[in-house]
C-alpha atoms as a PDB file:
ATOM      1  CA  MET A   1      87.104  71.716 109.739  1.00  0.00           C
ATOM      2  CA  PHE A   2      89.699  74.201 108.430  1.00  0.00           C
ATOM      3  CA  GLU A   3      89.253  75.301 104.810  1.00  0.00           C
ATOM      4  CA  SER A   4      92.039  77.462 103.374  1.00  0.00           C
ATOM      5  CA  LEU A   5      91.225  80.595 101.393  1.00  0.00           C
ATOM      6  CA  GLU A   6      94.746  80.699  99.976  1.00  0.00           C
ATOM      7  CA  GLY A   7      94.734  81.945  96.373  1.00  0.00           C
ATOM      8  CA  LYS A   8      91.170  83.268  96.641  1.00  0.00           C
ATOM      9  CA  LEU A   9      89.835  86.776  96.224  1.00  0.00           C
ATOM     10  CA  VAL A  10      87.808  87.799  99.246  1.00  0.00           C
ATOM     11  CA  VAL A  11      85.243  90.588  98.961  1.00  0.00           C
ATOM     12  CA  VAL A  12      84.774  92.517 102.197  1.00  0.00           C
ATOM     13  CA  PRO A  13      81.319  94.117 102.589  1.00  0.00           C
ATOM     14  CA  ALA A  14      81.197  97.884 103.149  1.00  0.00           C
ATOM     15  CA  SER A  15      79.432  97.141 106.464  1.00  0.00           C
ATOM     16  CA  SER A  16      82.423  95.181 107.818  1.00  0.00           C
ATOM     17  CA  THR A  17      83.666  95.899 111.331  1.00  0.00           C
ATOM     18  CA  CYS A  18      87.193  95.890 109.832  1.00  0.00           C
ATOM     19  CA  ALA A  19      87.127  99.583 108.905  1.00  0.00           C
ATOM     20  CA  GLU A  20      90.478  99.504 107.049  1.00  0.00           C
ATOM     21  CA  LEU A  21      89.214  96.731 104.755  1.00  0.00           C
ATOM     22  CA  ALA A  22      85.510  97.590 104.433  1.00  0.00           C
ATOM     23  CA  GLY A  23      84.377  97.623 100.798  1.00  0.00           C
ATOM     24  CA  ARG A  24      87.696  96.224  99.562  1.00  0.00           C
ATOM     25  CA  THR A  25      88.750  93.099  97.683  1.00  0.00           C
ATOM     26  CA  MET A  26      91.747  91.122  98.949  1.00  0.00           C
ATOM     27  CA  LEU A  27      93.867  88.322  97.557  1.00  0.00           C
ATOM     28  CA  VAL A  28      94.704  85.759 100.243  1.00  0.00           C
ATOM     29  CA  ILE A  29      98.418  84.979  99.851  1.00  0.00           C
ATOM     30  CA  GLN A  30      98.823  82.575 102.775  1.00  0.00           C
ATOM     31  CA  HIS A  31      96.180  80.899 104.891  1.00  0.00           C
ATOM     32  CA  SER A  32      96.948  78.127 107.310  1.00  0.00           C
ATOM     33  CA  GLU A  33      95.855  77.126 110.784  1.00  0.00           C
ATOM     34  CA  PHE A  34      98.689  79.360 112.050  1.00  0.00           C
ATOM     35  CA  GLN A  35      98.187  82.649 110.170  1.00  0.00           C
ATOM     36  CA  ALA A  36      96.569  84.430 107.261  1.00  0.00           C
ATOM     37  CA  VAL A  37      98.087  87.100 105.019  1.00  0.00           C
ATOM     38  CA  ALA A  38      96.340  89.008 102.223  1.00  0.00           C
ATOM     39  CA  LEU A  39      96.913  91.925  99.852  1.00  0.00           C
ATOM     40  CA  VAL A  40      94.192  94.439  98.988  1.00  0.00           C
ATOM     41  CA  THR A  41      93.804  94.387  95.206  1.00  0.00           C
ATOM     42  CA  ASP A  42      91.752  97.538  94.598  1.00  0.00           C
ATOM     43  CA  ARG A  43      93.629 100.308  96.418  1.00  0.00           C
ATOM     44  CA  PRO A  44      96.423 101.981  94.440  1.00  0.00           C
ATOM     45  CA  ASP A  45      98.877 104.102  96.405  1.00  0.00           C
ATOM     46  CA  ASP A  46      99.448 107.790  95.634  1.00  0.00           C
ATOM     47  CA  ALA A  47     103.099 106.887  95.057  1.00  0.00           C
ATOM     48  CA  THR A  48     104.453 105.180  91.964  1.00  0.00           C
ATOM     49  CA  ALA A  49     105.926 101.699  92.034  1.00  0.00           C
ATOM     50  CA  GLN A  50     109.290 103.254  91.198  1.00  0.00           C
ATOM     51  CA  ALA A  51     109.121 105.706  94.151  1.00  0.00           C
ATOM     52  CA  VAL A  52     108.108 103.016  96.653  1.00  0.00           C
ATOM     53  CA  TRP A  53     110.822 100.709  95.340  1.00  0.00           C
ATOM     54  CA  LYS A  54     113.527 103.356  95.505  1.00  0.00           C
ATOM     55  CA  LYS A  55     112.556 104.347  99.062  1.00  0.00           C
ATOM     56  CA  ALA A  56     112.588 100.730 100.283  1.00  0.00           C
ATOM     57  CA  ARG A  57     115.528  99.312  98.322  1.00  0.00           C
ATOM     58  CA  LYS A  58     117.605 102.481  97.670  1.00  0.00           C
ATOM     59  CA  LYS A  59     117.907 101.613  93.972  1.00  0.00           C
ATOM     60  CA  LYS A  60     115.958 101.795  90.739  1.00  0.00           C
ATOM     61  CA  SER A  61     113.734  99.108  89.291  1.00  0.00           C
ATOM     62  CA  SER A  62     112.119  98.315  85.958  1.00  0.00           C
ATOM     63  CA  PHE A  63     108.617  98.538  87.480  1.00  0.00           C
ATOM     64  CA  ALA A  64     106.174 101.101  86.119  1.00  0.00           C
ATOM     65  CA  GLY A  65     102.754 102.286  87.207  1.00  0.00           C
ATOM     66  CA  ASP A  66     101.219 102.630  90.630  1.00  0.00           C
ATOM     67  CA  ALA A  67     102.305 101.025  93.854  1.00  0.00           C
ATOM     68  CA  TRP A  68      99.519  99.342  95.811  1.00  0.00           C
ATOM     69  CA  ILE A  69      98.384  99.588  99.420  1.00  0.00           C
ATOM     70  CA  GLY A  70      98.097  95.969 100.526  1.00  0.00           C
ATOM     71  CA  GLY A  71      96.470  96.593 103.902  1.00  0.00           C
ATOM     72  CA  PRO A  72      96.841  98.276 107.283  1.00  0.00           C
ATOM     73  CA  VAL A  73     100.087  96.499 108.278  1.00  0.00           C
ATOM     74  CA  GLU A  74     103.238  98.271 107.033  1.00  0.00           C
ATOM     75  CA  GLY A  75     105.897  96.302 105.165  1.00  0.00           C
ATOM     76  CA  PRO A  76     107.556  94.336 103.925  1.00  0.00           C
ATOM     77  CA  LEU A  77     108.142  95.333 100.320  1.00  0.00           C
ATOM     78  CA  GLN A  78     106.528  92.564  98.265  1.00  0.00           C
ATOM     79  CA  LEU A  79     105.478  91.709  94.734  1.00  0.00           C
ATOM     80  CA  LEU A  80     102.737  89.858  92.954  1.00  0.00           C
ATOM     81  CA  HIS A  81     104.229  88.865  89.608  1.00  0.00           C
ATOM     82  CA  ASP A  82     104.447  86.423  86.697  1.00  0.00           C
ATOM     83  CA  GLN A  83     107.987  85.029  87.157  1.00  0.00           C
ATOM     84  CA  GLU A  84     107.751  81.494  88.557  1.00  0.00           C
ATOM     85  CA  ASP A  85     111.509  81.003  89.001  1.00  0.00           C
ATOM     86  CA  LEU A  86     111.721  83.798  91.605  1.00  0.00           C
ATOM     87  CA  ALA A  87     108.551  82.988  93.531  1.00  0.00           C
ATOM     88  CA  ASP A  88     108.442  82.577  97.297  1.00  0.00           C
ATOM     89  CA  LEU A  89     104.895  81.245  96.906  1.00  0.00           C
ATOM     90  CA  THR A  90     102.597  80.225  94.085  1.00  0.00           C
ATOM     91  CA  VAL A  91      99.318  82.059  94.699  1.00  0.00           C
ATOM     92  CA  ALA A  92      97.509  80.701  91.634  1.00  0.00           C
ATOM     93  CA  GLU A  93      98.566  79.320  88.267  1.00  0.00           C
ATOM     94  CA  GLY A  94     100.637  82.089  86.670  1.00  0.00           C
ATOM     95  CA  LEU A  95     100.565  84.324  89.768  1.00  0.00           C
ATOM     96  CA  TYR A  96     103.445  84.394  92.240  1.00  0.00           C
ATOM     97  CA  TYR A  97     104.386  86.202  95.447  1.00  0.00           C
ATOM     98  CA  THR A  98     107.865  87.330  96.474  1.00  0.00           C
ATOM     99  CA  ALA A  99     109.177  89.206  99.514  1.00  0.00           C
ATOM    100  CA  LYS A 100     112.761  87.890  99.773  1.00  0.00           C
ATOM    101  CA  LYS A 101     115.208  90.732  99.099  1.00  0.00           C
ATOM    102  CA  LYS A 102     117.497  88.831  96.742  1.00  0.00           C
ATOM    103  CA  SER A 103     114.584  87.703  94.560  1.00  0.00           C
ATOM    104  CA  LEU A 104     113.003  91.167  94.676  1.00  0.00           C
ATOM    105  CA  ASP A 105     116.239  92.742  93.460  1.00  0.00           C
ATOM    106  CA  GLU A 106     116.554  90.245  90.633  1.00  0.00           C
ATOM    107  CA  LEU A 107     112.942  90.818  89.561  1.00  0.00           C
ATOM    108  CA  ALA A 108     113.531  94.587  89.626  1.00  0.00           C
ATOM    109  CA  GLN A 109     116.284  94.255  87.017  1.00  0.00           C
ATOM    110  CA  ARG A 110     114.346  92.056  84.595  1.00  0.00           C
ATOM    111  CA  GLU A 111     112.557  93.498  81.608  1.00  0.00           C
ATOM    112  CA  ASN A 112     108.931  92.686  80.798  1.00  0.00           C
ATOM    113  CA  VAL A 113     107.947  91.546  84.286  1.00  0.00           C
ATOM    114  CA  CYS A 114     104.245  91.963  84.969  1.00  0.00           C
ATOM    115  CA  ALA A 115     104.123  92.903  88.648  1.00  0.00           C
ATOM    116  CA  ARG A 116     102.392  94.837  91.381  1.00  0.00           C
ATOM    117  CA  VAL A 117     104.538  96.492  94.048  1.00  0.00           C
ATOM    118  CA  TYR A 118     103.091  96.474  97.577  1.00  0.00           C
ATOM    119  CA  ASN A 119     104.462  98.089 100.736  1.00  0.00           C
ATOM    120  CA  SER A 120     101.858  96.808 103.212  1.00  0.00           C
ATOM    121  CA  HIS A 121      99.525  93.871 103.825  1.00  0.00           C
ATOM    122  CA  ALA A 122      96.639  92.565 105.923  1.00  0.00           C
ATOM    123  CA  GLY A 123      97.182  89.812 108.463  1.00  0.00           C
ATOM    124  CA  TRP A 124      95.254  87.722 110.970  1.00  0.00           C
ATOM    125  CA  ALA A 125      96.106  85.515 113.920  1.00  0.00           C
ATOM    126  CA  PRO A 126      95.097  81.831 113.940  1.00  0.00           C
ATOM    127  CA  GLY A 127      91.360  81.401 113.402  1.00  0.00           C
ATOM    128  CA  ASP A 128      90.584  85.114 113.028  1.00  0.00           C
ATOM    129  CA  LEU A 129      90.122  85.239 109.247  1.00  0.00           C
ATOM    130  CA  GLU A 130      87.836  82.193 109.219  1.00  0.00           C
ATOM    131  CA  LYS A 131      85.769  83.674 112.045  1.00  0.00           C
ATOM    132  CA  ILE A 132      85.247  87.069 110.433  1.00  0.00           C
ATOM    133  CA  VAL A 133      84.555  85.614 106.975  1.00  0.00           C
ATOM    134  CA  THR A 134      81.783  83.512 108.508  1.00  0.00           C
ATOM    135  CA  GLU A 135      80.367  86.120 110.901  1.00  0.00           C
ATOM    136  CA  GLU A 136      80.297  88.983 108.403  1.00  0.00           C
ATOM    137  CA  SER A 137      79.492  86.950 105.272  1.00  0.00           C
ATOM    138  CA  TRP A 138      82.617  87.885 103.372  1.00  0.00           C
ATOM    139  CA  SER A 139      82.560  86.140  99.986  1.00  0.00           C
ATOM    140  CA  ALA A 140      85.415  84.273  98.313  1.00  0.00           C
ATOM    141  CA  THR A 141      85.964  83.651  94.617  1.00  0.00           C
ATOM    142  CA  ASP A 142      88.710  82.435  92.306  1.00  0.00           C
ATOM    143  CA  VAL A 143      91.312  84.947  91.192  1.00  0.00           C
ATOM    144  CA  VAL A 144      91.642  85.942  87.542  1.00  0.00           C
ATOM    145  CA  VAL A 145      95.366  86.494  87.079  1.00  0.00           C
ATOM    146  CA  GLU A 146      94.969  88.709  84.018  1.00  0.00           C
ATOM    147  CA  ASP A 147      92.827  91.138  86.039  1.00  0.00           C
ATOM    148  CA  LEU A 148      95.618  91.643  88.570  1.00  0.00           C
ATOM    149  CA  LEU A 149      98.633  91.746  86.271  1.00  0.00           C
ATOM    150  CA  SER A 150      97.299  93.633  83.267  1.00  0.00           C
END
């Protein structure tokens, strides 16, 4: 029976056959019988959030701090944030995901938005995430929003 990991943190053992994700922690954004998408939560980029934003959107934003490497798959520009009204998806209570350009641009102009800017992600075809989690004993736990957006 299918059990979604959506909204869970998944810890990938250092011994994982997924070399790009080995030893990392990921937040599962979407997980259905059709696909799975996650963002690595413990890999800051060398670039700032502002630099990544400006390169992708050709304009400035109010975001400060590091950008984050979400996984081995490039694009799209995406945010984890605390603004429910501009969410594409609710990941957990108080934690939202957005990748739609119009919403991203609006979030970039707001003051006091707690957000993480990502320019990549991890993704799996149907059944692949469930299989590897089981075979390699990846562990899943609840997300603590304050740990991600502080």
